[in-house]
């Protein structure tokens, strides 16, 4: 079994930009996937956790599952 190669910093930067754009454009599943992928490499990054939380919250609103 091969361990996946770590993306370059440029690739990770592009993924972060894509995640943000997807988030803003309502592509919440894609944004969630991208933020989770980034957290594999930057597990202590507060901004990634924050953005992922925003995506999760927005998804719950859209899906009508948010508890107030």
N, C-alpha and C. Protein backbone atom coordinates (compact mmCIF):
# COMPACT_ATOMS: atom_id res chain seq x y z
N UNK A 1 0.84 -1.18 0.00
CA UNK A 1 0.00 0.00 0.00
C UNK A 1 0.89 1.24 0.00
N UNK A 2 0.63 2.15 -0.91
CA UNK A 2 1.44 3.36 -1.04
C UNK A 2 0.83 4.50 -0.23
N UNK A 3 1.69 5.22 0.43
CA UNK A 3 1.26 6.42 1.14
C UNK A 3 1.13 7.55 0.12
N UNK A 4 0.00 8.27 0.14
CA UNK A 4 -0.15 9.37 -0.84
C UNK A 4 0.91 10.44 -0.63
N UNK A 5 1.34 11.01 -1.73
CA UNK A 5 2.34 12.07 -1.66
C UNK A 5 1.71 13.33 -1.10
N UNK A 6 2.50 14.06 -0.34
CA UNK A 6 2.02 15.33 0.19
C UNK A 6 2.00 16.35 -0.94
N UNK A 7 0.89 17.05 -1.07
CA UNK A 7 0.82 18.09 -2.10
C UNK A 7 1.83 19.19 -1.81
N UNK A 8 2.21 19.91 -2.86
CA UNK A 8 3.10 21.06 -2.68
C UNK A 8 2.34 22.18 -1.98
N UNK A 9 3.08 23.15 -1.48
CA UNK A 9 2.44 24.30 -0.85
C UNK A 9 1.54 25.05 -1.84
N UNK A 10 1.96 25.10 -3.08
CA UNK A 10 1.15 25.76 -4.12
C UNK A 10 -0.18 25.00 -4.31
N UNK A 11 -0.10 23.68 -4.35
CA UNK A 11 -1.33 22.89 -4.50
C UNK A 11 -2.25 23.06 -3.29
N UNK A 12 -1.67 23.11 -2.10
CA UNK A 12 -2.47 23.33 -0.90
C UNK A 12 -3.09 24.72 -0.90
N UNK A 13 -2.34 25.70 -1.36
CA UNK A 13 -2.87 27.06 -1.47
C UNK A 13 -4.03 27.10 -2.45
N UNK A 14 -3.88 26.44 -3.59
CA UNK A 14 -4.95 26.39 -4.58
C UNK A 14 -6.19 25.71 -4.01
N UNK A 15 -5.98 24.66 -3.22
CA UNK A 15 -7.10 23.95 -2.60
C UNK A 15 -7.81 24.86 -1.60
N UNK A 16 -7.05 25.65 -0.85
CA UNK A 16 -7.64 26.59 0.10
C UNK A 16 -8.49 27.64 -0.63
N UNK A 17 -7.96 28.17 -1.71
CA UNK A 17 -8.70 29.16 -2.51
C UNK A 17 -9.98 28.53 -3.06
N UNK A 18 -9.86 27.31 -3.58
CA UNK A 18 -11.03 26.61 -4.13
C UNK A 18 -12.07 26.38 -3.04
N UNK A 19 -11.63 25.96 -1.86
CA UNK A 19 -12.56 25.72 -0.75
C UNK A 19 -13.33 26.99 -0.42
N UNK A 20 -12.62 28.11 -0.35
CA UNK A 20 -13.27 29.38 -0.06
C UNK A 20 -14.26 29.79 -1.13
N UNK A 21 -13.88 29.60 -2.38
CA UNK A 21 -14.78 29.95 -3.49
C UNK A 21 -16.01 29.05 -3.48
N UNK A 22 -15.79 27.75 -3.27
CA UNK A 22 -16.93 26.83 -3.22
C UNK A 22 -17.86 27.19 -2.07
N UNK A 23 -17.27 27.53 -0.94
CA UNK A 23 -18.05 27.93 0.23
C UNK A 23 -18.91 29.15 -0.11
N UNK A 24 -18.32 30.16 -0.69
CA UNK A 24 -19.06 31.38 -1.05
C UNK A 24 -20.14 31.13 -2.10
N UNK A 25 -19.89 30.15 -2.97
CA UNK A 25 -20.83 29.85 -4.05
C UNK A 25 -21.87 28.80 -3.67
N UNK A 26 -21.88 28.40 -2.40
CA UNK A 26 -22.88 27.45 -1.93
C UNK A 26 -22.60 26.00 -2.25
N UNK A 27 -21.39 25.70 -2.72
CA UNK A 27 -21.01 24.32 -3.00
C UNK A 27 -20.44 23.72 -1.71
N UNK A 28 -21.34 23.50 -0.76
CA UNK A 28 -20.94 23.20 0.61
C UNK A 28 -20.27 21.84 0.76
N UNK A 29 -20.73 20.83 0.03
CA UNK A 29 -20.10 19.52 0.14
C UNK A 29 -18.66 19.56 -0.37
N UNK A 30 -18.45 20.26 -1.47
CA UNK A 30 -17.11 20.39 -2.02
C UNK A 30 -16.20 21.17 -1.07
N UNK A 31 -16.72 22.27 -0.53
CA UNK A 31 -15.94 23.07 0.42
C UNK A 31 -15.58 22.23 1.64
N UNK A 32 -16.54 21.47 2.16
CA UNK A 32 -16.30 20.62 3.33
C UNK A 32 -15.19 19.61 3.04
N UNK A 33 -15.28 18.96 1.90
CA UNK A 33 -14.26 17.98 1.51
C UNK A 33 -12.88 18.63 1.43
N UNK A 34 -12.81 19.82 0.84
CA UNK A 34 -11.53 20.51 0.69
C UNK A 34 -10.97 20.94 2.04
N UNK A 35 -11.82 21.48 2.92
CA UNK A 35 -11.33 21.88 4.25
C UNK A 35 -10.84 20.66 5.04
N UNK A 36 -11.55 19.54 4.94
CA UNK A 36 -11.11 18.33 5.63
C UNK A 36 -9.77 17.85 5.08
N UNK A 37 -9.59 17.93 3.79
CA UNK A 37 -8.31 17.53 3.17
C UNK A 37 -7.18 18.44 3.67
N UNK A 38 -7.43 19.73 3.74
CA UNK A 38 -6.42 20.66 4.23
C UNK A 38 -6.08 20.39 5.69
N UNK A 39 -7.08 20.01 6.47
CA UNK A 39 -6.83 19.71 7.88
C UNK A 39 -5.94 18.48 8.08
N UNK A 40 -5.86 17.63 7.07
CA UNK A 40 -4.94 16.49 7.14
C UNK A 40 -3.50 16.98 7.24
N UNK A 41 -3.22 18.15 6.68
CA UNK A 41 -1.86 18.69 6.65
C UNK A 41 -1.66 19.82 7.65
N UNK A 42 -2.73 20.48 8.02
CA UNK A 42 -2.65 21.62 8.95
C UNK A 42 -3.70 21.45 10.04
N UNK A 43 -3.55 20.41 10.83
CA UNK A 43 -4.58 20.05 11.80
C UNK A 43 -4.79 21.09 12.90
N UNK A 44 -3.82 21.95 13.11
CA UNK A 44 -3.93 22.97 14.17
C UNK A 44 -4.32 24.35 13.64
N UNK A 45 -4.71 24.43 12.38
CA UNK A 45 -5.02 25.73 11.77
C UNK A 45 -6.42 26.20 12.17
N UNK A 46 -6.49 27.22 13.04
CA UNK A 46 -7.80 27.69 13.50
C UNK A 46 -8.73 28.13 12.38
N UNK A 47 -8.20 28.78 11.36
CA UNK A 47 -9.03 29.27 10.27
C UNK A 47 -9.72 28.12 9.54
N UNK A 48 -9.03 27.02 9.35
CA UNK A 48 -9.64 25.87 8.68
C UNK A 48 -10.77 25.30 9.52
N UNK A 49 -10.55 25.19 10.82
CA UNK A 49 -11.60 24.69 11.71
C UNK A 49 -12.80 25.64 11.71
N UNK A 50 -12.51 26.92 11.75
CA UNK A 50 -13.58 27.94 11.75
C UNK A 50 -14.39 27.85 10.45
N UNK A 51 -13.70 27.83 9.32
CA UNK A 51 -14.39 27.77 8.03
C UNK A 51 -15.20 26.48 7.90
N UNK A 52 -14.64 25.38 8.36
CA UNK A 52 -15.36 24.11 8.31
C UNK A 52 -16.62 24.21 9.17
N UNK A 53 -16.52 24.84 10.32
CA UNK A 53 -17.69 25.04 11.16
C UNK A 53 -18.76 25.88 10.48
N UNK A 54 -18.34 26.92 9.77
CA UNK A 54 -19.29 27.74 9.03
C UNK A 54 -20.00 26.93 7.94
N UNK A 55 -19.24 26.09 7.27
CA UNK A 55 -19.83 25.23 6.23
C UNK A 55 -20.84 24.27 6.86
N UNK A 56 -20.45 23.65 7.97
CA UNK A 56 -21.34 22.70 8.63
C UNK A 56 -22.63 23.40 9.07
N UNK A 57 -22.48 24.61 9.63
CA UNK A 57 -23.64 25.36 10.08
C UNK A 57 -24.55 25.70 8.90
N UNK A 58 -23.96 26.17 7.83
CA UNK A 58 -24.75 26.54 6.64
C UNK A 58 -25.47 25.32 6.07
N UNK A 59 -24.78 24.18 6.04
CA UNK A 59 -25.41 22.96 5.54
C UNK A 59 -26.62 22.60 6.39
N UNK A 60 -26.50 22.74 7.70
CA UNK A 60 -27.62 22.39 8.58
C UNK A 60 -28.80 23.33 8.36
N UNK A 61 -28.53 24.60 8.07
CA UNK A 61 -29.60 25.56 7.77
C UNK A 61 -30.28 25.18 6.46
N UNK A 62 -29.47 24.92 5.44
CA UNK A 62 -30.00 24.57 4.11
C UNK A 62 -30.82 23.29 4.19
N UNK A 63 -30.34 22.33 4.97
CA UNK A 63 -31.03 21.05 5.07
C UNK A 63 -32.15 21.06 6.11
N UNK A 64 -32.33 22.20 6.77
CA UNK A 64 -33.40 22.33 7.75
C UNK A 64 -33.15 21.56 9.02
N UNK A 65 -31.88 21.31 9.36
CA UNK A 65 -31.53 20.52 10.53
C UNK A 65 -30.94 21.34 11.66
N UNK A 66 -30.87 22.63 11.47
CA UNK A 66 -30.25 23.48 12.50
C UNK A 66 -31.18 23.64 13.70
N UNK A 67 -30.64 23.41 14.86
CA UNK A 67 -31.40 23.57 16.10
C UNK A 67 -31.08 24.94 16.64
N UNK A 68 -32.09 25.71 16.97
CA UNK A 68 -31.88 27.05 17.50
C UNK A 68 -32.16 27.07 18.96
